[in-house]
Amino acid sequence: MSLRAVVAIPFIALFTLLFGLLAILAGLVDRRGRFARTLGRPWARSILLTLGVRVDVVGADHAPAGPAVYAANHGSALDIPILLAHLPADFRIIHKRSIYLIPVLGWSLWFAGHVGIDRRHPFRARRSLKAAARMVREGASLAVFPEGTRSPDAFVRPFKRGSFGLATEAGVPVVPVSLVGVKRVIPRGIWTLHPGAVRMTIHAPVETAGRTPDGAAALAEEVRRIVASGCQED
């Protein structure tokens, strides 16, 4: 068990309570959730600083000015804070709907306009994806973890095609994102924390113009290969 993690946990709980309550209050005033989402950045950076995790960002200039779907590999609970802290865009995260049940943290995600997916019920999942597609068509960006669940190692698993069909329908680019070194920092969860550096590489956008939703599987594999190529050092 990491002593750094033991010491950090109370501070993480405090930061989550403070920024979470502020996000909930902001969401009550601004129903679009924009201000609530801005509070996610200082919350996430506070957590990473407390854990001793430094994030080096490569390719920030690849982030489009307009809406996009950012697709990242998923290996740990730190992935969401890393994106919230350092992805240079206003975006909504597609996450497990069960997180909404976590007091303050889950509620703040809801008020910030992030999208919960219930993967156990396909009909509900499709309905949530349709709502997400509508957000993108209206100008919102999304961040997704297309593997669907955390990878137990640094290998990038096959990408599910749902979010890629969404990007194609909305006509927005998909931006591959490689999170590198996270498994070295927390190989088996936060209790095995080893403070250090991780790298987030933002690759050039993959355009969806001229593609059809029927090609979502091929697009998913194309993006997976790009993400995996950026994770090779893991």
Protein backbone atom coordinates (compact mmCIF):
# COMPACT_ATOMS: atom_id res chain seq x y z
CA MET A 1 0.00 0.00 0.00
CA SER A 2 1.38 3.39 -1.03
CA LEU A 3 1.91 5.87 1.81
CA ARG A 4 1.44 8.72 -0.69
CA ALA A 5 -2.01 7.36 -1.56
CA VAL A 6 -3.01 7.01 2.11
CA VAL A 7 -2.06 10.63 2.78
CA ALA A 8 -3.70 11.85 -0.46
CA ILE A 9 -7.12 10.22 0.01
CA PRO A 10 -8.47 12.73 2.60
CA PHE A 11 -7.38 15.63 0.39
CA ILE A 12 -8.98 14.06 -2.69
CA ALA A 13 -12.23 13.67 -0.73
CA LEU A 14 -12.02 17.32 0.34
CA PHE A 15 -11.36 18.55 -3.21
CA THR A 16 -14.23 16.42 -4.54
CA LEU A 17 -16.62 17.77 -1.92
CA LEU A 18 -15.58 21.39 -2.49
CA PHE A 19 -15.53 21.47 -6.29
CA GLY A 20 -18.45 19.04 -6.54
CA LEU A 21 -20.75 21.22 -4.46
CA LEU A 22 -19.67 24.30 -6.43
CA ALA A 23 -20.42 22.46 -9.69
CA ILE A 24 -23.86 21.44 -8.44
CA LEU A 25 -24.65 25.03 -7.46
CA ALA A 26 -23.35 26.27 -10.82
CA GLY A 27 -25.45 23.68 -12.63
CA LEU A 28 -28.58 24.89 -10.87
CA VAL A 29 -27.97 28.36 -12.30
CA ASP A 30 -26.51 27.44 -15.71
CA ARG A 31 -28.49 24.47 -16.99
CA ARG A 32 -26.13 24.09 -19.98
CA GLY A 33 -23.45 23.11 -17.48
CA ARG A 34 -20.60 25.12 -18.99
CA PHE A 35 -19.47 26.78 -15.74
CA ALA A 36 -19.85 23.49 -13.87
CA ARG A 37 -17.56 21.87 -16.45
CA THR A 38 -14.89 24.56 -15.97
CA LEU A 39 -14.69 23.53 -12.31
CA GLY A 40 -13.66 20.04 -13.42
CA ARG A 41 -10.23 21.34 -14.46
CA PRO A 42 -9.05 22.70 -11.06
CA TRP A 43 -10.60 19.65 -9.34
CA ALA A 44 -8.69 17.25 -11.58
CA ARG A 45 -5.42 19.19 -11.37
CA SER A 46 -5.67 19.30 -7.57
CA ILE A 47 -6.05 15.51 -7.48
CA LEU A 48 -3.12 14.87 -9.82
CA LEU A 49 -0.92 17.30 -7.87
CA THR A 50 -1.83 15.62 -4.59
CA LEU A 51 -0.98 12.20 -6.02
CA GLY A 52 2.31 13.44 -7.45
CA VAL A 53 1.29 12.72 -11.04
CA ARG A 54 2.67 15.04 -13.73
CA VAL A 55 1.07 15.05 -17.18
CA ASP A 56 3.12 15.95 -20.25
CA VAL A 57 0.87 16.95 -23.15
CA VAL A 58 1.99 16.36 -26.74
CA GLY A 59 0.06 17.60 -29.78
CA ALA A 60 -2.26 20.08 -28.06
CA ASP A 61 -2.43 22.03 -31.32
CA HIS A 62 -4.24 19.06 -32.93
CA ALA A 63 -7.39 19.80 -30.90
CA PRO A 64 -9.96 21.25 -33.36
CA ALA A 65 -11.54 24.61 -32.70
CA GLY A 66 -15.00 23.14 -33.27
CA PRO A 67 -16.83 20.06 -31.95
CA ALA A 68 -15.09 16.69 -32.04
CA VAL A 69 -15.15 13.25 -30.47
CA TYR A 70 -11.97 12.56 -28.48
CA ALA A 71 -11.27 8.81 -28.22
CA ALA A 72 -8.79 7.65 -25.56
CA ASN A 73 -7.52 4.34 -24.23
CA HIS A 74 -8.72 3.46 -20.72
CA GLY A 75 -6.51 1.84 -18.11
CA SER A 76 -7.24 3.46 -14.76
CA ALA A 77 -9.41 5.69 -12.61
CA LEU A 78 -6.94 8.50 -13.31
CA ASP A 79 -7.92 8.71 -16.99
CA ILE A 80 -10.90 10.99 -16.39
CA PRO A 81 -8.93 13.46 -14.20
CA ILE A 82 -6.13 13.48 -16.80
CA LEU A 83 -8.54 14.44 -19.58
CA LEU A 84 -10.40 16.98 -17.43
CA ALA A 85 -7.13 18.59 -16.34
CA HIS A 86 -5.31 18.76 -19.66
CA LEU A 87 -7.48 18.22 -22.74
CA PRO A 88 -7.61 21.67 -24.40
CA ALA A 89 -11.34 21.73 -25.12
CA ASP A 90 -14.73 22.15 -23.50
CA PHE A 91 -16.12 18.63 -23.65
CA ARG A 92 -18.52 16.17 -22.09
CA ILE A 93 -17.33 12.75 -20.98
CA ILE A 94 -19.27 9.59 -21.78
CA HIS A 95 -19.03 7.48 -18.63
CA LYS A 96 -20.71 4.62 -16.78
CA ARG A 97 -24.16 5.70 -15.63
CA SER A 98 -23.56 4.04 -12.24
CA ILE A 99 -21.19 6.91 -11.34
CA TYR A 100 -24.30 9.08 -10.91
CA LEU A 101 -25.00 7.08 -7.73
CA ILE A 102 -21.84 8.41 -6.06
CA PRO A 103 -22.83 11.38 -3.85
CA VAL A 104 -21.51 14.78 -4.93
CA LEU A 105 -19.13 13.39 -7.59
CA GLY A 106 -21.87 11.72 -9.62
CA TRP A 107 -24.29 14.58 -9.11
CA SER A 108 -21.71 17.14 -10.25
CA LEU A 109 -21.12 15.13 -13.44
CA TRP A 110 -24.85 15.22 -14.15
CA PHE A 111 -25.14 18.97 -13.56
CA ALA A 112 -22.07 19.55 -15.77
CA GLY A 113 -23.86 17.83 -18.67
CA HIS A 114 -21.64 14.75 -18.93
CA VAL A 115 -23.29 11.67 -20.43
CA GLY A 116 -23.95 8.48 -18.46
CA ILE A 117 -24.33 5.22 -20.41
CA ASP A 118 -26.02 2.13 -18.96
CA ARG A 119 -24.22 -0.58 -20.94
CA ARG A 120 -26.20 -3.34 -19.19
CA HIS A 121 -29.35 -2.22 -21.00
CA PRO A 122 -28.80 -1.78 -24.77
CA PHE A 123 -32.00 0.23 -25.29
CA ARG A 124 -31.05 2.77 -22.61
CA ALA A 125 -27.50 2.91 -23.94
CA ARG A 126 -28.72 3.67 -27.47
CA ARG A 127 -31.04 6.34 -26.14
CA SER A 128 -28.15 7.99 -24.28
CA LEU A 129 -25.97 7.83 -27.39
CA LYS A 130 -28.72 9.50 -29.42
CA ALA A 131 -28.85 12.29 -26.84
CA ALA A 132 -25.06 12.60 -27.07
CA ALA A 133 -25.26 12.76 -30.88
CA ARG A 134 -27.76 15.60 -30.58
CA MET A 135 -25.33 17.47 -28.30
CA VAL A 136 -22.54 17.07 -30.85
CA ARG A 137 -24.74 18.31 -33.70
CA GLU A 138 -25.48 21.35 -31.55
CA GLY A 139 -21.75 22.07 -31.18
CA ALA A 140 -20.58 20.06 -28.15
CA SER A 141 -17.44 17.93 -28.00
CA LEU A 142 -17.32 14.50 -26.37
CA ALA A 143 -14.58 12.44 -24.75
CA VAL A 144 -15.05 8.68 -24.90
CA PHE A 145 -13.26 5.51 -23.79
CA PRO A 146 -14.24 3.18 -26.64
CA GLU A 147 -12.80 0.06 -25.01
CA GLY A 148 -15.89 0.20 -22.80
CA THR A 149 -14.06 -0.81 -19.63
CA ARG A 150 -10.62 -0.42 -18.11
CA SER A 151 -7.87 -2.48 -19.66
CA PRO A 152 -6.07 -4.64 -17.06
CA ASP A 153 -2.73 -3.89 -18.72
CA ALA A 154 -1.23 -1.38 -21.16
CA PHE A 155 -2.61 -3.20 -24.22
CA VAL A 156 -5.28 -1.24 -26.12
CA ARG A 157 -8.37 -3.46 -26.46
CA PRO A 158 -10.78 -3.38 -29.44
CA PHE A 159 -12.87 -0.22 -29.67
CA LYS A 160 -16.65 -0.45 -29.59
CA ARG A 161 -18.18 1.26 -32.59
CA GLY A 162 -21.06 3.20 -30.95
CA SER A 163 -19.28 6.52 -30.44
CA PHE A 164 -17.80 6.34 -33.95
CA GLY A 165 -21.22 5.98 -35.52
CA LEU A 166 -22.20 9.00 -33.44
CA ALA A 167 -19.27 11.03 -34.82
CA THR A 168 -20.09 10.00 -38.39
CA GLU A 169 -23.76 10.91 -38.02
CA ALA A 170 -22.83 14.30 -36.58
CA GLY A 171 -20.14 14.88 -39.22
CA VAL A 172 -17.42 15.79 -36.71
CA PRO A 173 -13.80 14.55 -36.60
CA VAL A 174 -12.55 11.89 -34.23
CA VAL A 175 -9.39 12.86 -32.33
CA PRO A 176 -7.32 9.87 -31.11
CA VAL A 177 -5.77 10.36 -27.65
CA SER A 178 -3.04 8.11 -26.24
CA LEU A 179 -2.59 7.99 -22.45
CA VAL A 180 0.89 6.61 -21.83
CA GLY A 181 2.49 5.51 -18.55
CA VAL A 182 -0.64 5.43 -16.42
CA LYS A 183 -0.11 1.76 -15.56
CA ARG A 184 3.36 2.61 -14.27
CA VAL A 185 1.89 5.24 -11.96
CA ILE A 186 -0.99 3.12 -10.62
CA PRO A 187 -0.41 -0.44 -11.85
CA ARG A 188 -3.24 -2.00 -9.80
CA GLY A 189 -5.32 0.89 -8.51
CA ILE A 190 -4.64 3.96 -6.40
CA TRP A 191 -3.31 1.97 -3.45
CA THR A 192 -0.34 0.90 -5.61
CA LEU A 193 0.48 4.51 -6.54
CA HIS A 194 4.00 5.37 -7.67
CA PRO A 195 4.23 9.16 -8.21
CA GLY A 196 5.63 10.01 -11.62
CA ALA A 197 4.94 11.33 -15.10
CA VAL A 198 2.42 10.23 -17.71
CA ARG A 199 2.02 11.48 -21.26
CA MET A 200 -1.10 12.45 -23.11
CA THR A 201 -0.60 12.50 -26.88
CA ILE A 202 -3.31 14.21 -28.94
CA HIS A 203 -3.10 12.91 -32.50
CA ALA A 204 -4.25 14.62 -35.68
CA PRO A 205 -8.03 14.45 -36.18
CA VAL A 206 -9.50 11.67 -38.31
CA GLU A 207 -12.13 13.26 -40.54
CA THR A 208 -15.53 11.62 -40.95
CA ALA A 209 -16.65 13.55 -44.03
CA GLY A 210 -17.80 11.14 -46.72
CA ARG A 211 -18.14 8.23 -44.29
CA THR A 212 -21.42 6.54 -43.40
CA PRO A 213 -22.53 5.07 -40.05
CA ASP A 214 -22.17 1.63 -41.66
CA GLY A 215 -18.43 2.19 -41.63
CA ALA A 216 -18.28 2.80 -37.86
CA ALA A 217 -16.47 -0.49 -37.18
CA ALA A 218 -13.72 0.32 -39.71
CA LEU A 219 -13.38 3.85 -38.29
CA ALA A 220 -13.15 2.42 -34.75
CA GLU A 221 -10.30 0.12 -35.77
CA GLU A 222 -8.49 2.91 -37.63
CA VAL A 223 -8.61 5.13 -34.54
CA ARG A 224 -7.64 2.22 -32.25
CA ARG A 225 -4.50 1.63 -34.30
CA ILE A 226 -3.51 5.29 -33.97
CA VAL A 227 -4.12 5.29 -30.21
CA ALA A 228 -2.20 2.01 -29.82
CA SER A 229 0.73 3.33 -31.85
CA GLY A 230 1.06 6.20 -29.38
CA CYS A 231 1.04 3.76 -26.45
CA GLN A 232 3.81 1.49 -27.68
CA GLU A 233 6.29 2.53 -25.02
CA ASP A 234 3.91 1.07 -22.42
